[in-house]
PDB file of N, CA and C in Angstrom:
ATOM      1  N   MET A   1     -16.483 -13.732 -29.754  1.00  0.00           N
ATOM      2  CA  MET A   1     -15.458 -13.567 -28.765  1.00  0.00           C
ATOM      3  C   MET A   1     -15.683 -12.229 -28.064  1.00  0.00           C
ATOM      4  N   ALA A   2     -15.406 -12.202 -26.793  1.00  0.00           N
ATOM      5  CA  ALA A   2     -15.489 -10.971 -26.012  1.00  0.00           C
ATOM      6  C   ALA A   2     -14.109 -10.641 -25.475  1.00  0.00           C
ATOM      7  N   LYS A   3     -13.888  -9.376 -25.163  1.00  0.00           N
ATOM      8  CA  LYS A   3     -12.595  -8.946 -24.641  1.00  0.00           C
ATOM      9  C   LYS A   3     -12.806  -8.099 -23.395  1.00  0.00           C
ATOM     10  N   ILE A   4     -11.839  -8.206 -22.496  1.00  0.00           N
ATOM     11  CA  ILE A   4     -11.777  -7.339 -21.325  1.00  0.00           C
ATOM     12  C   ILE A   4     -10.456  -6.593 -21.421  1.00  0.00           C
ATOM     13  N   GLU A   5     -10.508  -5.295 -21.306  1.00  0.00           N
ATOM     14  CA  GLU A   5      -9.301  -4.491 -21.375  1.00  0.00           C
ATOM     15  C   GLU A   5      -8.935  -4.027 -19.971  1.00  0.00           C
ATOM     16  N   ILE A   6      -7.716  -4.332 -19.565  1.00  0.00           N
ATOM     17  CA  ILE A   6      -7.220  -3.925 -18.242  1.00  0.00           C
ATOM     18  C   ILE A   6      -6.271  -2.751 -18.450  1.00  0.00           C
ATOM     19  N   LYS A   7      -6.547  -1.649 -17.808  1.00  0.00           N
ATOM     20  CA  LYS A   7      -5.688  -0.476 -17.921  1.00  0.00           C
ATOM     21  C   LYS A   7      -4.981  -0.269 -16.590  1.00  0.00           C
ATOM     22  N   GLY A   8      -3.701  -0.042 -16.663  1.00  0.00           N
ATOM     23  CA  GLY A   8      -2.943   0.203 -15.444  1.00  0.00           C
ATOM     24  C   GLY A   8      -1.482  -0.139 -15.641  1.00  0.00           C
ATOM     25  N   SER A   9      -0.792  -0.197 -14.544  1.00  0.00           N
ATOM     26  CA  SER A   9       0.643  -0.450 -14.558  1.00  0.00           C
ATOM     27  C   SER A   9       0.926  -1.925 -14.842  1.00  0.00           C
ATOM     28  N   PRO A  10       2.174  -2.242 -15.171  1.00  0.00           N
ATOM     29  CA  PRO A  10       2.533  -3.646 -15.371  1.00  0.00           C
ATOM     30  C   PRO A  10       2.262  -4.487 -14.117  1.00  0.00           C
ATOM     31  N   GLU A  11       2.445  -3.900 -12.955  1.00  0.00           N
ATOM     32  CA  GLU A  11       2.209  -4.620 -11.706  1.00  0.00           C
ATOM     33  C   GLU A  11       0.727  -4.986 -11.547  1.00  0.00           C
ATOM     34  N   GLU A  12      -0.158  -4.067 -11.908  1.00  0.00           N
ATOM     35  CA  GLU A  12      -1.597  -4.348 -11.839  1.00  0.00           C
ATOM     36  C   GLU A  12      -1.980  -5.417 -12.847  1.00  0.00           C
ATOM     37  N   LEU A  13      -1.426  -5.332 -14.044  1.00  0.00           N
ATOM     38  CA  LEU A  13      -1.707  -6.332 -15.066  1.00  0.00           C
ATOM     39  C   LEU A  13      -1.205  -7.708 -14.620  1.00  0.00           C
ATOM     40  N   GLU A  14      -0.045  -7.737 -13.997  1.00  0.00           N
ATOM     41  CA  GLU A  14       0.496  -9.014 -13.515  1.00  0.00           C
ATOM     42  C   GLU A  14      -0.420  -9.629 -12.453  1.00  0.00           C
ATOM     43  N   ARG A  15      -0.955  -8.801 -11.549  1.00  0.00           N
ATOM     44  CA  ARG A  15      -1.873  -9.310 -10.518  1.00  0.00           C
ATOM     45  C   ARG A  15      -3.106  -9.941 -11.153  1.00  0.00           C
ATOM     46  N   VAL A  16      -3.682  -9.274 -12.144  1.00  0.00           N
ATOM     47  CA  VAL A  16      -4.876  -9.792 -12.809  1.00  0.00           C
ATOM     48  C   VAL A  16      -4.533 -11.060 -13.589  1.00  0.00           C
ATOM     49  N   ALA A  17      -3.419 -11.050 -14.318  1.00  0.00           N
ATOM     50  CA  ALA A  17      -3.019 -12.214 -15.102  1.00  0.00           C
ATOM     51  C   ALA A  17      -2.739 -13.412 -14.204  1.00  0.00           C
ATOM     52  N   THR A  18      -2.096 -13.186 -13.075  1.00  0.00           N
ATOM     53  CA  THR A  18      -1.819 -14.272 -12.134  1.00  0.00           C
ATOM     54  C   THR A  18      -3.121 -14.843 -11.585  1.00  0.00           C
ATOM     55  N   PHE A  19      -4.064 -13.983 -11.245  1.00  0.00           N
ATOM     56  CA  PHE A  19      -5.362 -14.436 -10.751  1.00  0.00           C
ATOM     57  C   PHE A  19      -6.059 -15.308 -11.801  1.00  0.00           C
ATOM     58  N   LEU A  20      -6.095 -14.830 -13.033  1.00  0.00           N
ATOM     59  CA  LEU A  20      -6.756 -15.583 -14.094  1.00  0.00           C
ATOM     60  C   LEU A  20      -6.080 -16.934 -14.310  1.00  0.00           C
ATOM     61  N   ALA A  21      -4.755 -16.936 -14.357  1.00  0.00           N
ATOM     62  CA  ALA A  21      -4.023 -18.190 -14.570  1.00  0.00           C
ATOM     63  C   ALA A  21      -4.272 -19.169 -13.425  1.00  0.00           C
ATOM     64  N   ASN A  22      -4.282 -18.684 -12.203  1.00  0.00           N
ATOM     65  CA  ASN A  22      -4.507 -19.546 -11.041  1.00  0.00           C
ATOM     66  C   ASN A  22      -5.921 -20.113 -11.006  1.00  0.00           C
ATOM     67  N   ASN A  23      -6.841 -19.463 -11.710  1.00  0.00           N
ATOM     68  CA  ASN A  23      -8.234 -19.918 -11.742  1.00  0.00           C
ATOM     69  C   ASN A  23      -8.595 -20.563 -13.078  1.00  0.00           C
ATOM     70  N   ASN A  24      -7.567 -20.994 -13.810  1.00  0.00           N
ATOM     71  CA  ASN A  24      -7.746 -21.724 -15.070  1.00  0.00           C
ATOM     72  C   ASN A  24      -8.612 -20.990 -16.085  1.00  0.00           C
ATOM     73  N   VAL A  25      -8.486 -19.675 -16.143  1.00  0.00           N
ATOM     74  CA  VAL A  25      -9.195 -18.870 -17.134  1.00  0.00           C
ATOM     75  C   VAL A  25      -8.215 -18.637 -18.285  1.00  0.00           C
ATOM     76  N   LYS A  26      -8.622 -18.998 -19.502  1.00  0.00           N
ATOM     77  CA  LYS A  26      -7.746 -18.819 -20.663  1.00  0.00           C
ATOM     78  C   LYS A  26      -7.768 -17.356 -21.096  1.00  0.00           C
ATOM     79  N   PHE A  27      -6.592 -16.826 -21.371  1.00  0.00           N
ATOM     80  CA  PHE A  27      -6.460 -15.427 -21.772  1.00  0.00           C
ATOM     81  C   PHE A  27      -5.124 -15.226 -22.455  1.00  0.00           C
ATOM     82  N   ASN A  28      -4.980 -14.119 -23.120  1.00  0.00           N
ATOM     83  CA  ASN A  28      -3.710 -13.711 -23.721  1.00  0.00           C
ATOM     84  C   ASN A  28      -3.415 -12.284 -23.311  1.00  0.00           C
ATOM     85  N   VAL A  29      -2.156 -12.008 -23.105  1.00  0.00           N
ATOM     86  CA  VAL A  29      -1.702 -10.637 -22.884  1.00  0.00           C
ATOM     87  C   VAL A  29      -1.170 -10.165 -24.231  1.00  0.00           C
ATOM     88  N   VAL A  30      -1.729  -9.080 -24.740  1.00  0.00           N
ATOM     89  CA  VAL A  30      -1.327  -8.585 -26.054  1.00  0.00           C
ATOM     90  C   VAL A  30      -0.754  -7.172 -25.938  1.00  0.00           C
ATOM     91  N   ASN A  31       0.071  -6.818 -26.896  1.00  0.00           N
ATOM     92  CA  ASN A  31       0.691  -5.504 -26.916  1.00  0.00           C
ATOM     93  C   ASN A  31      -0.352  -4.451 -27.267  1.00  0.00           C
ATOM     94  N   ASP A  32      -0.388  -3.370 -26.512  1.00  0.00           N
ATOM     95  CA  ASP A  32      -1.345  -2.295 -26.792  1.00  0.00           C
ATOM     96  C   ASP A  32      -0.720  -1.162 -27.590  1.00  0.00           C
ATOM     97  N   TYR A  33       0.570  -1.269 -27.891  1.00  0.00           N
ATOM     98  CA  TYR A  33       1.293  -0.266 -28.663  1.00  0.00           C
ATOM     99  C   TYR A  33       1.136   1.129 -28.061  1.00  0.00           C
ATOM    100  N   GLY A  34       1.069   1.161 -26.736  1.00  0.00           N
ATOM    101  CA  GLY A  34       0.942   2.435 -26.033  1.00  0.00           C
ATOM    102  C   GLY A  34       2.274   3.132 -25.910  1.00  0.00           C
ATOM    103  N   ASN A  35       2.237   4.288 -25.361  1.00  0.00           N
ATOM    104  CA  ASN A  35       3.420   5.108 -25.160  1.00  0.00           C
ATOM    105  C   ASN A  35       3.917   4.876 -23.742  1.00  0.00           C
ATOM    106  N   HIS A  36       4.828   3.908 -23.555  1.00  0.00           N
ATOM    107  CA  HIS A  36       5.297   3.514 -22.239  1.00  0.00           C
ATOM    108  C   HIS A  36       6.778   3.819 -22.083  1.00  0.00           C
ATOM    109  N   SER A  37       7.223   3.907 -20.831  1.00  0.00           N
ATOM    110  CA  SER A  37       8.649   4.089 -20.566  1.00  0.00           C
ATOM    111  C   SER A  37       9.387   2.808 -20.960  1.00  0.00           C
ATOM    112  N   LEU A  38      10.699   2.901 -21.140  1.00  0.00           N
ATOM    113  CA  LEU A  38      11.487   1.719 -21.504  1.00  0.00           C
ATOM    114  C   LEU A  38      11.382   0.645 -20.430  1.00  0.00           C
ATOM    115  N   GLU A  39      11.363   1.065 -19.176  1.00  0.00           N
ATOM    116  CA  GLU A  39      11.243   0.106 -18.072  1.00  0.00           C
ATOM    117  C   GLU A  39       9.901  -0.621 -18.143  1.00  0.00           C
ATOM    118  N   ASP A  40       8.821   0.115 -18.360  1.00  0.00           N
ATOM    119  CA  ASP A  40       7.505  -0.507 -18.455  1.00  0.00           C
ATOM    120  C   ASP A  40       7.396  -1.401 -19.689  1.00  0.00           C
ATOM    121  N   LEU A  41       8.012  -0.987 -20.804  1.00  0.00           N
ATOM    122  CA  LEU A  41       7.979  -1.820 -22.010  1.00  0.00           C
ATOM    123  C   LEU A  41       8.590  -3.186 -21.745  1.00  0.00           C
ATOM    124  N   GLU A  42       9.697  -3.215 -20.992  1.00  0.00           N
ATOM    125  CA  GLU A  42      10.336  -4.489 -20.646  1.00  0.00           C
ATOM    126  C   GLU A  42       9.419  -5.328 -19.764  1.00  0.00           C
ATOM    127  N   LYS A  43       8.740  -4.689 -18.818  1.00  0.00           N
ATOM    128  CA  LYS A  43       7.827  -5.416 -17.934  1.00  0.00           C
ATOM    129  C   LYS A  43       6.637  -5.974 -18.711  1.00  0.00           C
ATOM    130  N   TYR A  44       6.075  -5.165 -19.621  1.00  0.00           N
ATOM    131  CA  TYR A  44       4.956  -5.640 -20.438  1.00  0.00           C
ATOM    132  C   TYR A  44       5.398  -6.786 -21.346  1.00  0.00           C
ATOM    133  N   ALA A  45       6.592  -6.696 -21.928  1.00  0.00           N
ATOM    134  CA  ALA A  45       7.103  -7.767 -22.783  1.00  0.00           C
ATOM    135  C   ALA A  45       7.264  -9.060 -21.986  1.00  0.00           C
ATOM    136  N   ASP A  46       7.743  -8.949 -20.752  1.00  0.00           N
ATOM    137  CA  ASP A  46       7.877 -10.125 -19.889  1.00  0.00           C
ATOM    138  C   ASP A  46       6.511 -10.747 -19.599  1.00  0.00           C
ATOM    139  N   LEU A  47       5.525  -9.910 -19.294  1.00  0.00           N
ATOM    140  CA  LEU A  47       4.177 -10.422 -19.026  1.00  0.00           C
ATOM    141  C   LEU A  47       3.591 -11.101 -20.260  1.00  0.00           C
ATOM    142  N   THR A  48       3.786 -10.494 -21.413  1.00  0.00           N
ATOM    143  CA  THR A  48       3.271 -11.079 -22.649  1.00  0.00           C
ATOM    144  C   THR A  48       3.884 -12.457 -22.866  1.00  0.00           C
ATOM    145  N   GLN A  49       5.182 -12.554 -22.652  1.00  0.00           N
ATOM    146  CA  GLN A  49       5.865 -13.835 -22.846  1.00  0.00           C
ATOM    147  C   GLN A  49       5.402 -14.869 -21.816  1.00  0.00           C
ATOM    148  N   ARG A  50       5.235 -14.486 -20.578  1.00  0.00           N
ATOM    149  CA  ARG A  50       4.881 -15.425 -19.520  1.00  0.00           C
ATOM    150  C   ARG A  50       3.445 -15.909 -19.600  1.00  0.00           C
ATOM    151  N   PHE A  51       2.528 -15.049 -20.019  1.00  0.00           N
ATOM    152  CA  PHE A  51       1.109 -15.376 -19.936  1.00  0.00           C
ATOM    153  C   PHE A  51       0.417 -15.623 -21.271  1.00  0.00           C
ATOM    154  N   THR A  52       1.154 -15.704 -22.369  1.00  0.00           N
ATOM    155  CA  THR A  52       0.545 -15.977 -23.654  1.00  0.00           C
ATOM    156  C   THR A  52       0.944 -17.375 -24.085  1.00  0.00           C
ATOM    157  N   ASP A  53      -0.048 -18.152 -24.496  1.00  0.00           N
ATOM    158  CA  ASP A  53       0.207 -19.526 -24.930  1.00  0.00           C
ATOM    159  C   ASP A  53       1.129 -19.523 -26.141  1.00  0.00           C
ATOM    160  N   PRO A  54       2.105 -20.425 -26.152  1.00  0.00           N
ATOM    161  CA  PRO A  54       2.981 -20.510 -27.341  1.00  0.00           C
ATOM    162  C   PRO A  54       2.194 -21.079 -28.517  1.00  0.00           C
ATOM    163  N   VAL A  55       2.620 -20.716 -29.718  1.00  0.00           N
ATOM    164  CA  VAL A  55       1.985 -21.231 -30.923  1.00  0.00           C
ATOM    165  C   VAL A  55       2.425 -22.682 -31.084  1.00  0.00           C
ATOM    166  N   PRO A  56       1.465 -23.597 -31.209  1.00  0.00           N
ATOM    167  CA  PRO A  56       1.846 -25.002 -31.343  1.00  0.00           C
ATOM    168  C   PRO A  56       2.622 -25.259 -32.627  1.00  0.00           C
ATOM    169  N   GLU A  57       3.623 -26.137 -32.525  1.00  0.00           N
ATOM    170  CA  GLU A  57       4.404 -26.491 -33.702  1.00  0.00           C
ATOM    171  C   GLU A  57       3.621 -27.470 -34.559  1.00  0.00           C
ATOM    172  N   LYS A  58       3.833 -27.403 -35.876  1.00  0.00           N
ATOM    173  CA  LYS A  58       3.125 -28.292 -36.803  1.00  0.00           C
ATOM    174  C   LYS A  58       3.851 -29.591 -36.958  1.00  0.00           C
TER     175      LYS A  58
END
């Protein structure tokens, strides 16, 4: 497996994630446990929820 790390604001991450999703590229947004403002933490949490595949139920 290979990884690409995107560094930047939540808005930049959203642009990249939207591009990937629109082009049928599979990816996950994961928490980087960085030191972010409360506002940015909420934005990152929203992106993680929107762009990460749900775990399939058994």
